Amino acid sequence: MKVAVECKSPLLQKSLEIFLSSHLSSIKNCDIVVRDHKVLGDERAFYISKDSDGDLIKPFSKSNLIMALQKKYKAIGSKAHSLDASEEKLDFSILQRRIENLTKEYQDNLLKVVRAFYER
């Protein structure tokens, strides 16, 4: 189950991101979009509200959230955006090497500046 979070409330947004950290995905690639506002015509929408018209009513616990999301996921079936296993496993080795090279370059430049400062 891949979940995206799109809330108007920054506090709810961050809380949901923490609760759902292992399930987070982009809106483009998710199965369910958790929102604190209604969006008509989006069958992937999971609405959290203080009122009884929501899929989940505030306040809620992490376990309540996960169970309600699993129920919604089963209800919408596998019609949601699904990716091939090959697309799901991205190869980050090239990116990792690039970041390591940039970090090393930054470290070398920083040391040059420090040495130049203390050699005066």
PDB file of N, CA and C in Angstrom:
ATOM      1  N   MET A   1       0.856  -1.179   0.000  1.00  0.00           N
ATOM      2  CA  MET A   1       0.000   0.000   0.000  1.00  0.00           C
ATOM      3  C   MET A   1       0.898   1.237   0.000  1.00  0.00           C
ATOM      4  N   LYS A   2       0.712   2.075  -0.998  1.00  0.00           N
ATOM      5  CA  LYS A   2       1.474   3.322  -1.108  1.00  0.00           C
ATOM      6  C   LYS A   2       0.529   4.482  -0.820  1.00  0.00           C
ATOM      7  N   VAL A   3       0.956   5.373   0.074  1.00  0.00           N
ATOM      8  CA  VAL A   3       0.101   6.449   0.548  1.00  0.00           C
ATOM      9  C   VAL A   3       0.787   7.798   0.353  1.00  0.00           C
ATOM     10  N   ALA A   4       0.023   8.779  -0.088  1.00  0.00           N
ATOM     11  CA  ALA A   4       0.489  10.165  -0.163  1.00  0.00           C
ATOM     12  C   ALA A   4      -0.335  10.976   0.827  1.00  0.00           C
ATOM     13  N   VAL A   5       0.262  12.018   1.368  1.00  0.00           N
ATOM     14  CA  VAL A   5      -0.429  12.860   2.347  1.00  0.00           C
ATOM     15  C   VAL A   5      -0.497  14.270   1.780  1.00  0.00           C
ATOM     16  N   GLU A   6      -1.704  14.838   1.781  1.00  0.00           N
ATOM     17  CA  GLU A   6      -1.917  16.193   1.270  1.00  0.00           C
ATOM     18  C   GLU A   6      -2.926  16.893   2.175  1.00  0.00           C
ATOM     19  N   CYS A   7      -2.420  17.586   3.185  1.00  0.00           N
ATOM     20  CA  CYS A   7      -3.291  18.231   4.165  1.00  0.00           C
ATOM     21  C   CYS A   7      -3.062  19.736   4.189  1.00  0.00           C
ATOM     22  N   LYS A   8      -4.114  20.462   4.496  1.00  0.00           N
ATOM     23  CA  LYS A   8      -3.999  21.911   4.668  1.00  0.00           C
ATOM     24  C   LYS A   8      -3.375  22.244   6.022  1.00  0.00           C
ATOM     25  N   SER A   9      -3.609  21.394   7.007  1.00  0.00           N
ATOM     26  CA  SER A   9      -3.049  21.588   8.348  1.00  0.00           C
ATOM     27  C   SER A   9      -1.613  21.073   8.387  1.00  0.00           C
ATOM     28  N   PRO A  10      -0.629  21.959   8.630  1.00  0.00           N
ATOM     29  CA  PRO A  10       0.766  21.502   8.695  1.00  0.00           C
ATOM     30  C   PRO A  10       1.011  20.490   9.813  1.00  0.00           C
ATOM     31  N   LEU A  11       0.336  20.653  10.932  1.00  0.00           N
ATOM     32  CA  LEU A  11       0.497  19.729  12.054  1.00  0.00           C
ATOM     33  C   LEU A  11      -0.008  18.333  11.692  1.00  0.00           C
ATOM     34  N   LEU A  12      -1.175  18.255  11.090  1.00  0.00           N
ATOM     35  CA  LEU A  12      -1.724  16.967  10.667  1.00  0.00           C
ATOM     36  C   LEU A  12      -0.863  16.365   9.560  1.00  0.00           C
ATOM     37  N   GLN A  13      -0.398  17.192   8.648  1.00  0.00           N
ATOM     38  CA  GLN A  13       0.469  16.735   7.557  1.00  0.00           C
ATOM     39  C   GLN A  13       1.706  16.036   8.116  1.00  0.00           C
ATOM     40  N   LYS A  14       2.404  16.699   9.029  1.00  0.00           N
ATOM     41  CA  LYS A  14       3.634  16.144   9.595  1.00  0.00           C
ATOM     42  C   LYS A  14       3.348  14.894  10.425  1.00  0.00           C
ATOM     43  N   SER A  15       2.283  14.909  11.198  1.00  0.00           N
ATOM     44  CA  SER A  15       1.921  13.742  12.013  1.00  0.00           C
ATOM     45  C   SER A  15       1.639  12.524  11.131  1.00  0.00           C
ATOM     46  N   LEU A  16       0.894  12.740  10.066  1.00  0.00           N
ATOM     47  CA  LEU A  16       0.586  11.634   9.160  1.00  0.00           C
ATOM     48  C   LEU A  16       1.840  11.126   8.459  1.00  0.00           C
ATOM     49  N   GLU A  17       2.738  12.034   8.091  1.00  0.00           N
ATOM     50  CA  GLU A  17       3.990  11.613   7.454  1.00  0.00           C
ATOM     51  C   GLU A  17       4.819  10.747   8.402  1.00  0.00           C
ATOM     52  N   ILE A  18       4.814  11.089   9.686  1.00  0.00           N
ATOM     53  CA  ILE A  18       5.540  10.285  10.668  1.00  0.00           C
ATOM     54  C   ILE A  18       4.857   8.932  10.854  1.00  0.00           C
ATOM     55  N   PHE A  19       3.531   8.938  11.010  1.00  0.00           N
ATOM     56  CA  PHE A  19       2.779   7.688  11.201  1.00  0.00           C
ATOM     57  C   PHE A  19       2.945   6.754  10.001  1.00  0.00           C
ATOM     58  N   LEU A  20       2.963   7.324   8.801  1.00  0.00           N
ATOM     59  CA  LEU A  20       2.941   6.524   7.576  1.00  0.00           C
ATOM     60  C   LEU A  20       4.294   6.481   6.860  1.00  0.00           C
ATOM     61  N   SER A  21       5.359   6.719   7.589  1.00  0.00           N
ATOM     62  CA  SER A  21       6.679   6.835   6.961  1.00  0.00           C
ATOM     63  C   SER A  21       7.039   5.626   6.088  1.00  0.00           C
ATOM     64  N   SER A  22       6.656   4.438   6.489  1.00  0.00           N
ATOM     65  CA  SER A  22       7.003   3.252   5.706  1.00  0.00           C
ATOM     66  C   SER A  22       6.091   3.041   4.492  1.00  0.00           C
ATOM     67  N   HIS A  23       5.030   3.834   4.392  1.00  0.00           N
ATOM     68  CA  HIS A  23       4.075   3.687   3.293  1.00  0.00           C
ATOM     69  C   HIS A  23       4.072   4.898   2.348  1.00  0.00           C
ATOM     70  N   LEU A  24       4.869   5.909   2.631  1.00  0.00           N
ATOM     71  CA  LEU A  24       4.796   7.151   1.867  1.00  0.00           C
ATOM     72  C   LEU A  24       5.250   6.987   0.424  1.00  0.00           C
ATOM     73  N   SER A  25       4.563   7.709  -0.443  1.00  0.00           N
ATOM     74  CA  SER A  25       4.863   7.705  -1.867  1.00  0.00           C
ATOM     75  C   SER A  25       4.440   9.064  -2.429  1.00  0.00           C
ATOM     76  N   SER A  26       4.788   9.319  -3.668  1.00  0.00           N
ATOM     77  CA  SER A  26       4.345  10.564  -4.293  1.00  0.00           C
ATOM     78  C   SER A  26       2.864  10.443  -4.667  1.00  0.00           C
ATOM     79  N   ILE A  27       2.223  11.561  -4.867  1.00  0.00           N
ATOM     80  CA  ILE A  27       0.806  11.550  -5.238  1.00  0.00           C
ATOM     81  C   ILE A  27       0.616  10.839  -6.568  1.00  0.00           C
ATOM     82  N   LYS A  28       1.564  10.993  -7.451  1.00  0.00           N
ATOM     83  CA  LYS A  28       1.480  10.375  -8.771  1.00  0.00           C
ATOM     84  C   LYS A  28       1.494   8.848  -8.692  1.00  0.00           C
ATOM     85  N   ASN A  29       2.255   8.286  -7.757  1.00  0.00           N
ATOM     86  CA  ASN A  29       2.433   6.837  -7.685  1.00  0.00           C
ATOM     87  C   ASN A  29       1.723   6.164  -6.524  1.00  0.00           C
ATOM     88  N   CYS A  30       0.847   6.871  -5.850  1.00  0.00           N
ATOM     89  CA  CYS A  30       0.234   6.298  -4.648  1.00  0.00           C
ATOM     90  C   CYS A  30      -1.063   5.558  -4.959  1.00  0.00           C
ATOM     91  N   ASP A  31      -1.462   4.726  -3.996  1.00  0.00           N
ATOM     92  CA  ASP A  31      -2.743   4.033  -4.071  1.00  0.00           C
ATOM     93  C   ASP A  31      -3.840   4.839  -3.383  1.00  0.00           C
ATOM     94  N   ILE A  32      -3.467   5.545  -2.311  1.00  0.00           N
ATOM     95  CA  ILE A  32      -4.417   6.322  -1.507  1.00  0.00           C
ATOM     96  C   ILE A  32      -3.809   7.687  -1.200  1.00  0.00           C
ATOM     97  N   VAL A  33      -4.651   8.735  -1.252  1.00  0.00           N
ATOM     98  CA  VAL A  33      -4.220  10.078  -0.880  1.00  0.00           C
ATOM     99  C   VAL A  33      -4.986  10.483   0.376  1.00  0.00           C
ATOM    100  N   VAL A  34      -4.261  10.695   1.467  1.00  0.00           N
ATOM    101  CA  VAL A  34      -4.878  11.085   2.737  1.00  0.00           C
ATOM    102  C   VAL A  34      -4.988  12.606   2.756  1.00  0.00           C
ATOM    103  N   ARG A  35      -6.197  13.095   3.001  1.00  0.00           N
ATOM    104  CA  ARG A  35      -6.437  14.549   2.991  1.00  0.00           C
ATOM    105  C   ARG A  35      -7.289  14.953   4.188  1.00  0.00           C
ATOM    106  N   ASP A  36      -7.176  16.234   4.546  1.00  0.00           N
ATOM    107  CA  ASP A  36      -8.047  16.791   5.573  1.00  0.00           C
ATOM    108  C   ASP A  36      -9.100  17.702   4.949  1.00  0.00           C
ATOM    109  N   HIS A  37      -9.204  17.654   3.633  1.00  0.00           N
ATOM    110  CA  HIS A  37     -10.228  18.410   2.906  1.00  0.00           C
ATOM    111  C   HIS A  37     -10.791  17.516   1.806  1.00  0.00           C
ATOM    112  N   LYS A  38     -12.047  17.737   1.477  1.00  0.00           N
ATOM    113  CA  LYS A  38     -12.708  16.885   0.494  1.00  0.00           C
ATOM    114  C   LYS A  38     -12.292  17.279  -0.915  1.00  0.00           C
ATOM    115  N   VAL A  39     -12.095  16.255  -1.738  1.00  0.00           N
ATOM    116  CA  VAL A  39     -11.820  16.436  -3.154  1.00  0.00           C
ATOM    117  C   VAL A  39     -12.800  15.533  -3.892  1.00  0.00           C
ATOM    118  N   LEU A  40     -13.681  16.132  -4.641  1.00  0.00           N
ATOM    119  CA  LEU A  40     -14.692  15.357  -5.345  1.00  0.00           C
ATOM    120  C   LEU A  40     -14.096  14.654  -6.558  1.00  0.00           C
ATOM    121  N   GLY A  41     -14.567  13.451  -6.810  1.00  0.00           N
ATOM    122  CA  GLY A  41     -14.163  12.716  -7.994  1.00  0.00           C
ATOM    123  C   GLY A  41     -12.856  11.957  -7.880  1.00  0.00           C
ATOM    124  N   ASP A  42     -12.230  11.951  -6.742  1.00  0.00           N
ATOM    125  CA  ASP A  42     -10.980  11.205  -6.569  1.00  0.00           C
ATOM    126  C   ASP A  42     -11.285   9.976  -5.720  1.00  0.00           C
ATOM    127  N   GLU A  43     -11.335   8.815  -6.360  1.00  0.00           N
ATOM    128  CA  GLU A  43     -11.666   7.591  -5.630  1.00  0.00           C
ATOM    129  C   GLU A  43     -10.537   7.128  -4.717  1.00  0.00           C
ATOM    130  N   ARG A  44      -9.339   7.676  -4.902  1.00  0.00           N
ATOM    131  CA  ARG A  44      -8.211   7.328  -4.045  1.00  0.00           C
ATOM    132  C   ARG A  44      -8.196   8.152  -2.759  1.00  0.00           C
ATOM    133  N   ALA A  45      -9.056   9.145  -2.645  1.00  0.00           N
ATOM    134  CA  ALA A  45      -9.035  10.059  -1.497  1.00  0.00           C
ATOM    135  C   ALA A  45      -9.486   9.364  -0.219  1.00  0.00           C
ATOM    136  N   PHE A  46      -8.746   9.617   0.849  1.00  0.00           N
ATOM    137  CA  PHE A  46      -9.057   9.136   2.195  1.00  0.00           C
ATOM    138  C   PHE A  46      -9.195  10.389   3.043  1.00  0.00           C
ATOM    139  N   TYR A  47     -10.410  10.687   3.479  1.00  0.00           N
ATOM    140  CA  TYR A  47     -10.732  11.951   4.129  1.00  0.00           C
ATOM    141  C   TYR A  47     -10.722  11.805   5.645  1.00  0.00           C
ATOM    142  N   ILE A  48      -9.935  12.662   6.313  1.00  0.00           N
ATOM    143  CA  ILE A  48      -9.887  12.709   7.777  1.00  0.00           C
ATOM    144  C   ILE A  48     -10.618  13.967   8.228  1.00  0.00           C
ATOM    145  N   SER A  49     -11.550  13.799   9.170  1.00  0.00           N
ATOM    146  CA  SER A  49     -12.394  14.917   9.580  1.00  0.00           C
ATOM    147  C   SER A  49     -12.792  14.800  11.040  1.00  0.00           C
ATOM    148  N   LYS A  50     -13.260  15.918  11.583  1.00  0.00           N
ATOM    149  CA  LYS A  50     -13.841  15.906  12.936  1.00  0.00           C
ATOM    150  C   LYS A  50     -15.274  15.382  12.873  1.00  0.00           C
ATOM    151  N   ASP A  51     -15.884  15.509  11.700  1.00  0.00           N
ATOM    152  CA  ASP A  51     -17.276  15.108  11.511  1.00  0.00           C
ATOM    153  C   ASP A  51     -17.385  13.633  11.131  1.00  0.00           C
ATOM    154  N   SER A  52     -18.598  13.116  11.181  1.00  0.00           N
ATOM    155  CA  SER A  52     -18.823  11.699  10.882  1.00  0.00           C
ATOM    156  C   SER A  52     -18.778  11.397   9.390  1.00  0.00           C
ATOM    157  N   ASP A  53     -18.627  12.407   8.533  1.00  0.00           N
ATOM    158  CA  ASP A  53     -18.608  12.168   7.086  1.00  0.00           C
ATOM    159  C   ASP A  53     -17.235  11.757   6.564  1.00  0.00           C
ATOM    160  N   GLY A  54     -16.236  11.713   7.431  1.00  0.00           N
ATOM    161  CA  GLY A  54     -14.887  11.344   7.014  1.00  0.00           C
ATOM    162  C   GLY A  54     -14.656   9.841   7.048  1.00  0.00           C
ATOM    163  N   ASP A  55     -13.595   9.404   6.376  1.00  0.00           N
ATOM    164  CA  ASP A  55     -13.196   8.001   6.430  1.00  0.00           C
ATOM    165  C   ASP A  55     -12.586   7.668   7.792  1.00  0.00           C
ATOM    166  N   LEU A  56     -12.024   8.687   8.437  1.00  0.00           N
ATOM    167  CA  LEU A  56     -11.455   8.543   9.775  1.00  0.00           C
ATOM    168  C   LEU A  56     -11.773   9.810  10.558  1.00  0.00           C
ATOM    169  N   ILE A  57     -12.225   9.639  11.779  1.00  0.00           N
ATOM    170  CA  ILE A  57     -12.650  10.776  12.590  1.00  0.00           C
ATOM    171  C   ILE A  57     -11.548  11.121  13.582  1.00  0.00           C
ATOM    172  N   LYS A  58     -11.251  12.436  13.683  1.00  0.00           N
ATOM    173  CA  LYS A  58     -10.261  12.920  14.655  1.00  0.00           C
ATOM    174  C   LYS A  58     -10.885  12.927  16.038  1.00  0.00           C
ATOM    175  N   PRO A  59     -10.162  12.669  17.072  1.00  0.00           N
ATOM    176  CA  PRO A  59      -8.777  12.213  17.159  1.00  0.00           C
ATOM    177  C   PRO A  59      -8.692  10.729  16.837  1.00  0.00           C
ATOM    178  N   PHE A  60      -7.499  10.281  16.450  1.00  0.00           N
ATOM    179  CA  PHE A  60      -7.288   8.890  16.088  1.00  0.00           C
ATOM    180  C   PHE A  60      -5.889   8.465  16.502  1.00  0.00           C
ATOM    181  N   SER A  61      -5.682   7.166  16.581  1.00  0.00           N
ATOM    182  CA  SER A  61      -4.360   6.631  16.907  1.00  0.00           C
ATOM    183  C   SER A  61      -3.709   6.113  15.625  1.00  0.00           C
ATOM    184  N   LYS A  62      -2.441   5.804  15.716  1.00  0.00           N
ATOM    185  CA  LYS A  62      -1.717   5.271  14.563  1.00  0.00           C
ATOM    186  C   LYS A  62      -2.350   3.960  14.103  1.00  0.00           C
ATOM    187  N   SER A  63      -2.704   3.099  15.053  1.00  0.00           N
ATOM    188  CA  SER A  63      -3.303   1.815  14.678  1.00  0.00           C
ATOM    189  C   SER A  63      -4.666   2.003  14.017  1.00  0.00           C
ATOM    190  N   ASN A  64      -5.466   2.959  14.506  1.00  0.00           N
ATOM    191  CA  ASN A  64      -6.758   3.260  13.863  1.00  0.00           C
ATOM    192  C   ASN A  64      -6.544   3.718  12.426  1.00  0.00           C
ATOM    193  N   LEU A  65      -5.535   4.569  12.237  1.00  0.00           N
ATOM    194  CA  LEU A  65      -5.225   5.083  10.912  1.00  0.00           C
ATOM    195  C   LEU A  65      -4.836   3.955   9.962  1.00  0.00           C
ATOM    196  N   ILE A  66      -3.925   3.099  10.397  1.00  0.00           N
ATOM    197  CA  ILE A  66      -3.456   2.005   9.547  1.00  0.00           C
ATOM    198  C   ILE A  66      -4.601   1.056   9.197  1.00  0.00           C
ATOM    199  N   MET A  67      -5.416   0.707  10.182  1.00  0.00           N
ATOM    200  CA  MET A  67      -6.544  -0.199   9.917  1.00  0.00           C
ATOM    201  C   MET A  67      -7.540   0.417   8.945  1.00  0.00           C
ATOM    202  N   ALA A  68      -7.848   1.697   9.121  1.00  0.00           N
ATOM    203  CA  ALA A  68      -8.787   2.372   8.223  1.00  0.00           C
ATOM    204  C   ALA A  68      -8.221   2.474   6.805  1.00  0.00           C
ATOM    205  N   LEU A  69      -6.919   2.726   6.690  1.00  0.00           N
ATOM    206  CA  LEU A  69      -6.295   2.786   5.374  1.00  0.00           C
ATOM    207  C   LEU A  69      -6.293   1.419   4.689  1.00  0.00           C
ATOM    208  N   GLN A  70      -6.032   0.356   5.455  1.00  0.00           N
ATOM    209  CA  GLN A  70      -6.069  -0.984   4.883  1.00  0.00           C
ATOM    210  C   GLN A  70      -7.471  -1.340   4.396  1.00  0.00           C
ATOM    211  N   LYS A  71      -8.466  -0.926   5.148  1.00  0.00           N
ATOM    212  CA  LYS A  71      -9.861  -1.153   4.751  1.00  0.00           C
ATOM    213  C   LYS A  71     -10.167  -0.414   3.449  1.00  0.00           C
ATOM    214  N   LYS A  72      -9.729   0.824   3.350  1.00  0.00           N
ATOM    215  CA  LYS A  72      -9.934   1.622   2.146  1.00  0.00           C
ATOM    216  C   LYS A  72      -9.188   1.005   0.960  1.00  0.00           C
ATOM    217  N   TYR A  73      -7.966   0.545   1.211  1.00  0.00           N
ATOM    218  CA  TYR A  73      -7.143  -0.050   0.164  1.00  0.00           C
ATOM    219  C   TYR A  73      -7.825  -1.290  -0.413  1.00  0.00           C
ATOM    220  N   LYS A  74      -8.376  -2.112   0.457  1.00  0.00           N
ATOM    221  CA  LYS A  74      -9.097  -3.303   0.000  1.00  0.00           C
ATOM    222  C   LYS A  74     -10.348  -2.918  -0.772  1.00  0.00           C
ATOM    223  N   ALA A  75     -10.993  -1.826  -0.345  1.00  0.00           N
ATOM    224  CA  ALA A  75     -12.226  -1.390  -0.998  1.00  0.00           C
ATOM    225  C   ALA A  75     -11.971  -0.893  -2.419  1.00  0.00           C
ATOM    226  N   ILE A  76     -10.872  -0.198  -2.620  1.00  0.00           N
ATOM    227  CA  ILE A  76     -10.606   0.322  -3.971  1.00  0.00           C
ATOM    228  C   ILE A  76      -9.940  -0.724  -4.852  1.00  0.00           C
ATOM    229  N   GLY A  77      -9.446  -1.814  -4.232  1.00  0.00           N
ATOM    230  CA  GLY A  77      -8.868  -2.908  -5.003  1.00  0.00           C
ATOM    231  C   GLY A  77      -7.555  -2.540  -5.639  1.00  0.00           C
ATOM    232  N   SER A  78      -7.174  -3.290  -6.591  1.00  0.00           N
ATOM    233  CA  SER A  78      -5.892  -3.064  -7.250  1.00  0.00           C
ATOM    234  C   SER A  78      -6.033  -2.167  -8.475  1.00  0.00           C
ATOM    235  N   LYS A  79      -7.146  -1.429  -8.563  1.00  0.00           N
ATOM    236  CA  LYS A  79      -7.331  -0.482  -9.662  1.00  0.00           C
ATOM    237  C   LYS A  79      -6.384   0.696  -9.549  1.00  0.00           C
ATOM    238  N   ALA A  80      -5.882   0.931  -8.341  1.00  0.00           N
ATOM    239  CA  ALA A  80      -4.993   2.070  -8.108  1.00  0.00           C
ATOM    240  C   ALA A  80      -3.706   1.899  -8.898  1.00  0.00           C
ATOM    241  N   HIS A  81      -2.983   2.975  -8.990  1.00  0.00           N
ATOM    242  CA  HIS A  81      -1.725   2.978  -9.739  1.00  0.00           C
ATOM    243  C   HIS A  81      -0.788   1.918  -9.182  1.00  0.00           C
ATOM    244  N   SER A  82      -0.519   0.903 -10.003  1.00  0.00           N
ATOM    245  CA  SER A  82       0.433  -0.118  -9.578  1.00  0.00           C
ATOM    246  C   SER A  82       1.606  -0.112 -10.537  1.00  0.00           C
ATOM    247  N   LEU A  83       2.792  -0.300  -9.981  1.00  0.00           N
ATOM    248  CA  LEU A  83       4.007  -0.298 -10.773  1.00  0.00           C
ATOM    249  C   LEU A  83       4.558  -1.712 -10.864  1.00  0.00           C
ATOM    250  N   ASP A  84       5.292  -2.007 -11.909  1.00  0.00           N
ATOM    251  CA  ASP A  84       5.984  -3.285 -12.010  1.00  0.00           C
ATOM    252  C   ASP A  84       7.043  -3.351 -10.927  1.00  0.00           C
ATOM    253  N   ALA A  85       7.415  -4.547 -10.539  1.00  0.00           N
ATOM    254  CA  ALA A  85       8.441  -4.709  -9.496  1.00  0.00           C
ATOM    255  C   ALA A  85       9.749  -4.079  -9.929  1.00  0.00           C
ATOM    256  N   SER A  86      10.033  -4.110 -11.226  1.00  0.00           N
ATOM    257  CA  SER A  86      11.279  -3.513 -11.708  1.00  0.00           C
ATOM    258  C   SER A  86      11.274  -1.996 -11.541  1.00  0.00           C
ATOM    259  N   GLU A  87      10.130  -1.360 -11.667  1.00  0.00           N
ATOM    260  CA  GLU A  87      10.029   0.082 -11.492  1.00  0.00           C
ATOM    261  C   GLU A  87      10.072   0.469 -10.026  1.00  0.00           C
ATOM    262  N   GLU A  88       9.581  -0.407  -9.154  1.00  0.00           N
ATOM    263  CA  GLU A  88       9.554  -0.091  -7.733  1.00  0.00           C
ATOM    264  C   GLU A  88      10.948  -0.057  -7.136  1.00  0.00           C
ATOM    265  N   LYS A  89      11.827  -0.943  -7.594  1.00  0.00           N
ATOM    266  CA  LYS A  89      13.181  -1.002  -7.064  1.00  0.00           C
ATOM    267  C   LYS A  89      14.087  -0.142  -7.937  1.00  0.00           C
ATOM    268  N   LEU A  90      14.291   1.080  -7.524  1.00  0.00           N
ATOM    269  CA  LEU A  90      15.138   2.002  -8.260  1.00  0.00           C
ATOM    270  C   LEU A  90      16.587   1.782  -7.870  1.00  0.00           C
ATOM    271  N   ASP A  91      17.490   1.978  -8.816  1.00  0.00           N
ATOM    272  CA  ASP A  91      18.914   1.823  -8.554  1.00  0.00           C
ATOM    273  C   ASP A  91      19.485   3.186  -8.198  1.00  0.00           C
ATOM    274  N   PHE A  92      19.837   3.340  -6.934  1.00  0.00           N
ATOM    275  CA  PHE A  92      20.354   4.604  -6.447  1.00  0.00           C
ATOM    276  C   PHE A  92      21.878   4.614  -6.369  1.00  0.00           C
ATOM    277  N   SER A  93      22.530   3.598  -6.902  1.00  0.00           N
ATOM    278  CA  SER A  93      23.984   3.514  -6.776  1.00  0.00           C
ATOM    279  C   SER A  93      24.682   4.674  -7.483  1.00  0.00           C
ATOM    280  N   ILE A  94      24.199   5.081  -8.646  1.00  0.00           N
ATOM    281  CA  ILE A  94      24.813   6.201  -9.372  1.00  0.00           C
ATOM    282  C   ILE A  94      24.629   7.487  -8.578  1.00  0.00           C
ATOM    283  N   LEU A  95      23.435   7.693  -8.081  1.00  0.00           N
ATOM    284  CA  LEU A  95      23.172   8.880  -7.264  1.00  0.00           C
ATOM    285  C   LEU A  95      24.015   8.859  -5.997  1.00  0.00           C
ATOM    286  N   GLN A  96      24.138   7.713  -5.382  1.00  0.00           N
ATOM    287  CA  GLN A  96      24.928   7.594  -4.160  1.00  0.00           C
ATOM    288  C   GLN A  96      26.393   7.946  -4.428  1.00  0.00           C
ATOM    289  N   ARG A  97      26.949   7.444  -5.526  1.00  0.00           N
ATOM    290  CA  ARG A  97      28.339   7.776  -5.871  1.00  0.00           C
ATOM    291  C   ARG A  97      28.504   9.260  -6.144  1.00  0.00           C
ATOM    292  N   ARG A  98      27.543   9.856  -6.809  1.00  0.00           N
ATOM    293  CA  ARG A  98      27.614  11.296  -7.113  1.00  0.00           C
ATOM    294  C   ARG A  98      27.590  12.115  -5.828  1.00  0.00           C
ATOM    295  N   ILE A  99      26.724  11.741  -4.898  1.00  0.00           N
ATOM    296  CA  ILE A  99      26.648  12.443  -3.607  1.00  0.00           C
ATOM    297  C   ILE A  99      27.955  12.270  -2.837  1.00  0.00           C
ATOM    298  N   GLU A 100      28.519  11.066  -2.854  1.00  0.00           N
ATOM    299  CA  GLU A 100      29.795  10.828  -2.169  1.00  0.00           C
ATOM    300  C   GLU A 100      30.902  11.689  -2.779  1.00  0.00           C
ATOM    301  N   ASN A 101      30.937  11.789  -4.112  1.00  0.00           N
ATOM    302  CA  ASN A 101      31.950  12.615  -4.774  1.00  0.00           C
ATOM    303  C   ASN A 101      31.788  14.095  -4.425  1.00  0.00           C
ATOM    304  N   LEU A 102      30.562  14.562  -4.441  1.00  0.00           N
ATOM    305  CA  LEU A 102      30.311  15.962  -4.098  1.00  0.00           C
ATOM    306  C   LEU A 102      30.671  16.253  -2.649  1.00  0.00           C
ATOM    307  N   THR A 103      30.361  15.327  -1.760  1.00  0.00           N
ATOM    308  CA  THR A 103      30.699  15.499  -0.344  1.00  0.00           C
ATOM    309  C   THR A 103      32.209  15.543  -0.155  1.00  0.00           C
ATOM    310  N   LYS A 104      32.918  14.659  -0.815  1.00  0.00           N
ATOM    311  CA  LYS A 104      34.379  14.630  -0.735  1.00  0.00           C
ATOM    312  C   LYS A 104      34.974  15.925  -1.285  1.00  0.00           C
ATOM    313  N   GLU A 105      34.438  16.392  -2.409  1.00  0.00           N
ATOM    314  CA  GLU A 105      34.914  17.644  -3.012  1.00  0.00           C
ATOM    315  C   GLU A 105      34.667  18.824  -2.068  1.00  0.00           C
ATOM    316  N   TYR A 106      33.509  18.863  -1.460  1.00  0.00           N
ATOM    317  CA  TYR A 106      33.178  19.926  -0.507  1.00  0.00           C
ATOM    318  C   TYR A 106      34.126  19.884   0.691  1.00  0.00           C
ATOM    319  N   GLN A 107      34.393  18.685   1.200  1.00  0.00           N
ATOM    320  CA  GLN A 107      35.288  18.519   2.342  1.00  0.00           C
ATOM    321  C   GLN A 107      36.698  19.003   1.988  1.00  0.00           C
ATOM    322  N   ASP A 108      37.193  18.635   0.811  1.00  0.00           N
ATOM    323  CA  ASP A 108      38.525  19.070   0.373  1.00  0.00           C
ATOM    324  C   ASP A 108      38.605  20.591   0.275  1.00  0.00           C
ATOM    325  N   ASN A 109      37.589  21.211  -0.309  1.00  0.00           N
ATOM    326  CA  ASN A 109      37.564  22.671  -0.440  1.00  0.00           C
ATOM    327  C   ASN A 109      37.507  23.354   0.918  1.00  0.00           C
ATOM    328  N   LEU A 110      36.753  22.811   1.817  1.00  0.00           N
ATOM    329  CA  LEU A 110      36.634  23.371   3.160  1.00  0.00           C
ATOM    330  C   LEU A 110      37.972  23.286   3.898  1.00  0.00           C
ATOM    331  N   LEU A 111      38.652  22.166   3.772  1.00  0.00           N
ATOM    332  CA  LEU A 111      39.965  22.013   4.404  1.00  0.00           C
ATOM    333  C   LEU A 111      40.992  22.981   3.806  1.00  0.00           C
ATOM    334  N   LYS A 112      40.934  23.228   2.522  1.00  0.00           N
ATOM    335  CA  LYS A 112      41.837  24.191   1.885  1.00  0.00           C
ATOM    336  C   LYS A 112      41.634  25.586   2.471  1.00  0.00           C
ATOM    337  N   VAL A 113      40.382  25.956   2.648  1.00  0.00           N
ATOM    338  CA  VAL A 113      40.067  27.277   3.200  1.00  0.00           C
ATOM    339  C   VAL A 113      40.578  27.383   4.629  1.00  0.00           C
ATOM    340  N   VAL A 114      40.382  26.370   5.443  1.00  0.00           N
ATOM    341  CA  VAL A 114      40.827  26.383   6.832  1.00  0.00           C
ATOM    342  C   VAL A 114      42.348  26.444   6.905  1.00  0.00           C
ATOM    343  N   ARG A 115      43.004  25.633   6.082  1.00  0.00           N
ATOM    344  CA  ARG A 115      44.485  25.653   6.069  1.00  0.00           C
ATOM    345  C   ARG A 115      45.014  27.018   5.642  1.00  0.00           C
ATOM    346  N   ALA A 116      44.416  27.601   4.614  1.00  0.00           N
ATOM    347  CA  ALA A 116      44.854  28.923   4.129  1.00  0.00           C
ATOM    348  C   ALA A 116      44.668  29.974   5.219  1.00  0.00           C
ATOM    349  N   PHE A 117      43.616  29.872   5.993  1.00  0.00           N
ATOM    350  CA  PHE A 117      43.347  30.833   7.062  1.00  0.00           C
ATOM    351  C   PHE A 117      44.404  30.725   8.161  1.00  0.00           C
ATOM    352  N   TYR A 118      44.779  29.515   8.548  1.00  0.00           N
ATOM    353  CA  TYR A 118      45.725  29.332   9.656  1.00  0.00           C
ATOM    354  C   TYR A 118      47.176  29.435   9.233  1.00  0.00           C
ATOM    355  N   GLU A 119      47.483  29.409   7.944  1.00  0.00           N
ATOM    356  CA  GLU A 119      48.862  29.525   7.491  1.00  0.00           C
ATOM    357  C   GLU A 119      49.331  30.976   7.430  1.00  0.00           C
ATOM    358  N   ARG A 120      48.481  31.924   7.599  1.00  0.00           N
ATOM    359  CA  ARG A 120      48.871  33.345   7.560  1.00  0.00           C
ATOM    360  C   ARG A 120      49.684  33.732   8.729  1.00  0.00           C
TER     361      ARG A 120
END
